[in-house]
């Protein structure tokens, strides 16, 4: 089994944290999870155009726009892509819940993040 996930966050240590937890999850489950990561809306839109993703974890506040723009583009390309918003203020984005399968609240512990990603990927 192989899965593909896109991480979008402009803070490097958050992306590093996410990648480590996802790699740990892949090892635990003996599956391959390909991880792409970008730090802007522009780069995320390019990745979405070039690839098909099983899941995405998207920061809601990026220097060049909103995670909502990324979620909309991802859903237009592939309705099966599962998308989680990673934000300090999940309640602020509830009106956009049509575009998201989950809201991960920052700060998040590794065990919670792993469990949430597992649910997002259906593994």
C-alpha atoms as a PDB file:
ATOM      1  CA  UNK A   1       0.000   0.000   0.000  1.00  0.00           C
ATOM      2  CA  UNK A   2       1.203   3.478  -0.836  1.00  0.00           C
ATOM      3  CA  UNK A   3      -0.235   6.857   0.088  1.00  0.00           C
ATOM      4  CA  UNK A   4       0.663  10.388  -0.948  1.00  0.00           C
ATOM      5  CA  UNK A   5       0.262  13.432   1.282  1.00  0.00           C
ATOM      6  CA  UNK A   6       0.937  17.150   0.797  1.00  0.00           C
ATOM      7  CA  UNK A   7       1.977  19.298   3.749  1.00  0.00           C
ATOM      8  CA  UNK A   8       1.589  23.064   3.434  1.00  0.00           C
ATOM      9  CA  UNK A   9       3.074  25.310   6.117  1.00  0.00           C
ATOM     10  CA  UNK A  10       5.376  28.322   6.054  1.00  0.00           C
ATOM     11  CA  UNK A  11       7.089  27.400   9.328  1.00  0.00           C
ATOM     12  CA  UNK A  12       9.926  24.947   8.718  1.00  0.00           C
ATOM     13  CA  UNK A  13       9.949  23.288  12.139  1.00  0.00           C
ATOM     14  CA  UNK A  14       6.236  22.474  11.829  1.00  0.00           C
ATOM     15  CA  UNK A  15       6.827  20.763   8.479  1.00  0.00           C
ATOM     16  CA  UNK A  16       9.794  18.879   9.975  1.00  0.00           C
ATOM     17  CA  UNK A  17       7.600  17.761  12.892  1.00  0.00           C
ATOM     18  CA  UNK A  18       4.844  16.612  10.521  1.00  0.00           C
ATOM     19  CA  UNK A  19       7.266  14.716   8.281  1.00  0.00           C
ATOM     20  CA  UNK A  20       8.848  12.908  11.252  1.00  0.00           C
ATOM     21  CA  UNK A  21       5.478  11.869  12.661  1.00  0.00           C
ATOM     22  CA  UNK A  22       4.225  10.688   9.247  1.00  0.00           C
ATOM     23  CA  UNK A  23       7.441   8.714   8.628  1.00  0.00           C
ATOM     24  CA  UNK A  24       7.025   7.119  12.057  1.00  0.00           C
ATOM     25  CA  UNK A  25       3.430   6.209  11.201  1.00  0.00           C
ATOM     26  CA  UNK A  26       4.488   4.688   7.876  1.00  0.00           C
ATOM     27  CA  UNK A  27       7.111   2.589   9.631  1.00  0.00           C
ATOM     28  CA  UNK A  28       4.609   1.424  12.284  1.00  0.00           C
ATOM     29  CA  UNK A  29       2.072   0.390   9.645  1.00  0.00           C
ATOM     30  CA  UNK A  30       4.638  -0.979   7.163  1.00  0.00           C
ATOM     31  CA  UNK A  31       3.283   1.176   4.363  1.00  0.00           C
ATOM     32  CA  UNK A  32       4.839   3.742   2.073  1.00  0.00           C
ATOM     33  CA  UNK A  33       3.708   7.340   2.543  1.00  0.00           C
ATOM     34  CA  UNK A  34       5.172   9.781   0.032  1.00  0.00           C
ATOM     35  CA  UNK A  35       5.345  13.242   1.563  1.00  0.00           C
ATOM     36  CA  UNK A  36       5.584  16.472  -0.415  1.00  0.00           C
ATOM     37  CA  UNK A  37       5.909  19.749   1.457  1.00  0.00           C
ATOM     38  CA  UNK A  38       5.647  23.361   0.359  1.00  0.00           C
ATOM     39  CA  UNK A  39       5.528  26.716   2.142  1.00  0.00           C
ATOM     40  CA  UNK A  40       3.090  28.814   0.092  1.00  0.00           C
ATOM     41  CA  UNK A  41      -0.276  28.800  -1.647  1.00  0.00           C
ATOM     42  CA  UNK A  42       1.448  29.296  -5.009  1.00  0.00           C
ATOM     43  CA  UNK A  43       3.666  26.231  -4.565  1.00  0.00           C
ATOM     44  CA  UNK A  44       0.775  24.163  -3.218  1.00  0.00           C
ATOM     45  CA  UNK A  45      -1.380  24.954  -6.255  1.00  0.00           C
ATOM     46  CA  UNK A  46       1.474  23.883  -8.525  1.00  0.00           C
ATOM     47  CA  UNK A  47       1.892  20.578  -6.638  1.00  0.00           C
ATOM     48  CA  UNK A  48      -1.856  19.937  -6.796  1.00  0.00           C
ATOM     49  CA  UNK A  49      -1.832  20.498 -10.563  1.00  0.00           C
ATOM     50  CA  UNK A  50       1.095  18.068 -10.982  1.00  0.00           C
ATOM     51  CA  UNK A  51       0.072  15.277  -8.570  1.00  0.00           C
ATOM     52  CA  UNK A  52      -2.812  13.365  -7.058  1.00  0.00           C
ATOM     53  CA  UNK A  53      -2.886  13.294  -3.259  1.00  0.00           C
ATOM     54  CA  UNK A  54      -4.695  10.996  -0.874  1.00  0.00           C
ATOM     55  CA  UNK A  55      -4.536  13.683   1.804  1.00  0.00           C
ATOM     56  CA  UNK A  56      -3.301  17.162   2.653  1.00  0.00           C
ATOM     57  CA  UNK A  57      -2.558  18.992   5.885  1.00  0.00           C
ATOM     58  CA  UNK A  58      -2.804  22.704   5.218  1.00  0.00           C
ATOM     59  CA  UNK A  59      -1.880  25.678   7.391  1.00  0.00           C
ATOM     60  CA  UNK A  60      -4.680  28.216   7.163  1.00  0.00           C
ATOM     61  CA  UNK A  61      -2.582  31.389   7.310  1.00  0.00           C
ATOM     62  CA  UNK A  62       0.134  31.562   4.692  1.00  0.00           C
ATOM     63  CA  UNK A  63       2.104  34.621   3.557  1.00  0.00           C
ATOM     64  CA  UNK A  64       0.529  34.575   0.086  1.00  0.00           C
ATOM     65  CA  UNK A  65      -3.028  33.556   0.940  1.00  0.00           C
ATOM     66  CA  UNK A  66      -5.291  31.139   2.740  1.00  0.00           C
ATOM     67  CA  UNK A  67      -5.466  27.392   3.100  1.00  0.00           C
ATOM     68  CA  UNK A  68      -9.046  27.716   1.881  1.00  0.00           C
ATOM     69  CA  UNK A  69      -7.725  28.518  -1.617  1.00  0.00           C
ATOM     70  CA  UNK A  70      -5.636  25.344  -1.528  1.00  0.00           C
ATOM     71  CA  UNK A  71      -8.546  23.224  -0.316  1.00  0.00           C
ATOM     72  CA  UNK A  72     -10.822  24.565  -3.068  1.00  0.00           C
ATOM     73  CA  UNK A  73      -8.250  23.765  -5.774  1.00  0.00           C
ATOM     74  CA  UNK A  74      -7.641  20.298  -4.367  1.00  0.00           C
ATOM     75  CA  UNK A  75     -11.355  19.504  -4.234  1.00  0.00           C
ATOM     76  CA  UNK A  76     -11.855  20.727  -7.804  1.00  0.00           C
ATOM     77  CA  UNK A  77      -9.128  18.391  -9.015  1.00  0.00           C
ATOM     78  CA  UNK A  78     -10.032  15.328  -6.945  1.00  0.00           C
ATOM     79  CA  UNK A  79     -13.087  15.027  -4.683  1.00  0.00           C
ATOM     80  CA  UNK A  80     -11.473  12.013  -2.944  1.00  0.00           C
ATOM     81  CA  UNK A  81      -8.537  14.004  -1.547  1.00  0.00           C
ATOM     82  CA  UNK A  82      -9.018  14.319   2.212  1.00  0.00           C
ATOM     83  CA  UNK A  83      -7.948  17.679   3.611  1.00  0.00           C
ATOM     84  CA  UNK A  84      -7.168  18.789   7.145  1.00  0.00           C
ATOM     85  CA  UNK A  85      -6.685  22.369   8.244  1.00  0.00           C
ATOM     86  CA  UNK A  86      -3.902  22.957  10.774  1.00  0.00           C
ATOM     87  CA  UNK A  87      -4.695  26.103  12.743  1.00  0.00           C
ATOM     88  CA  UNK A  88      -4.624  27.763  16.124  1.00  0.00           C
ATOM     89  CA  UNK A  89      -8.235  28.896  15.584  1.00  0.00           C
ATOM     90  CA  UNK A  90     -10.284  25.992  14.150  1.00  0.00           C
ATOM     91  CA  UNK A  91     -13.608  27.652  15.094  1.00  0.00           C
ATOM     92  CA  UNK A  92     -12.691  30.627  12.884  1.00  0.00           C
ATOM     93  CA  UNK A  93     -12.888  28.388   9.801  1.00  0.00           C
ATOM     94  CA  UNK A  94     -16.029  26.400  10.596  1.00  0.00           C
ATOM     95  CA  UNK A  95     -17.967  28.228   7.882  1.00  0.00           C
ATOM     96  CA  UNK A  96     -15.555  26.639   5.366  1.00  0.00           C
ATOM     97  CA  UNK A  97     -16.015  23.112   6.677  1.00  0.00           C
ATOM     98  CA  UNK A  98     -17.318  21.974   3.275  1.00  0.00           C
ATOM     99  CA  UNK A  99     -13.721  22.027   2.054  1.00  0.00           C
ATOM    100  CA  UNK A 100     -12.158  20.202   5.013  1.00  0.00           C
ATOM    101  CA  UNK A 101     -12.460  16.712   6.422  1.00  0.00           C
ATOM    102  CA  UNK A 102     -10.776  17.647   9.704  1.00  0.00           C
ATOM    103  CA  UNK A 103      -9.401  20.538  11.734  1.00  0.00           C
ATOM    104  CA  UNK A 104      -6.144  19.940  13.635  1.00  0.00           C
ATOM    105  CA  UNK A 105      -5.612  22.450  16.434  1.00  0.00           C
ATOM    106  CA  UNK A 106      -2.152  23.889  16.998  1.00  0.00           C
ATOM    107  CA  UNK A 107      -0.210  23.098  19.067  1.00  0.00           C
ATOM    108  CA  UNK A 108      -0.620  19.371  18.488  1.00  0.00           C
ATOM    109  CA  UNK A 109       1.153  16.494  20.181  1.00  0.00           C
ATOM    110  CA  UNK A 110       2.844  13.798  18.075  1.00  0.00           C
ATOM    111  CA  UNK A 111       0.438  11.081  19.251  1.00  0.00           C
ATOM    112  CA  UNK A 112      -2.617  13.195  18.352  1.00  0.00           C
ATOM    113  CA  UNK A 113      -1.133  14.218  15.017  1.00  0.00           C
ATOM    114  CA  UNK A 114      -0.340  10.605  14.160  1.00  0.00           C
ATOM    115  CA  UNK A 115      -3.849   9.466  15.058  1.00  0.00           C
ATOM    116  CA  UNK A 116      -5.412  12.296  13.029  1.00  0.00           C
ATOM    117  CA  UNK A 117      -3.270  11.578   9.955  1.00  0.00           C
ATOM    118  CA  UNK A 118      -4.072   7.882  10.228  1.00  0.00           C
ATOM    119  CA  UNK A 119      -7.785   8.728  10.120  1.00  0.00           C
ATOM    120  CA  UNK A 120      -7.244  11.183   7.280  1.00  0.00           C
ATOM    121  CA  UNK A 121      -5.464   8.525   5.206  1.00  0.00           C
ATOM    122  CA  UNK A 122      -7.885   5.738   6.201  1.00  0.00           C
ATOM    123  CA  UNK A 123      -5.065   3.450   7.382  1.00  0.00           C
END
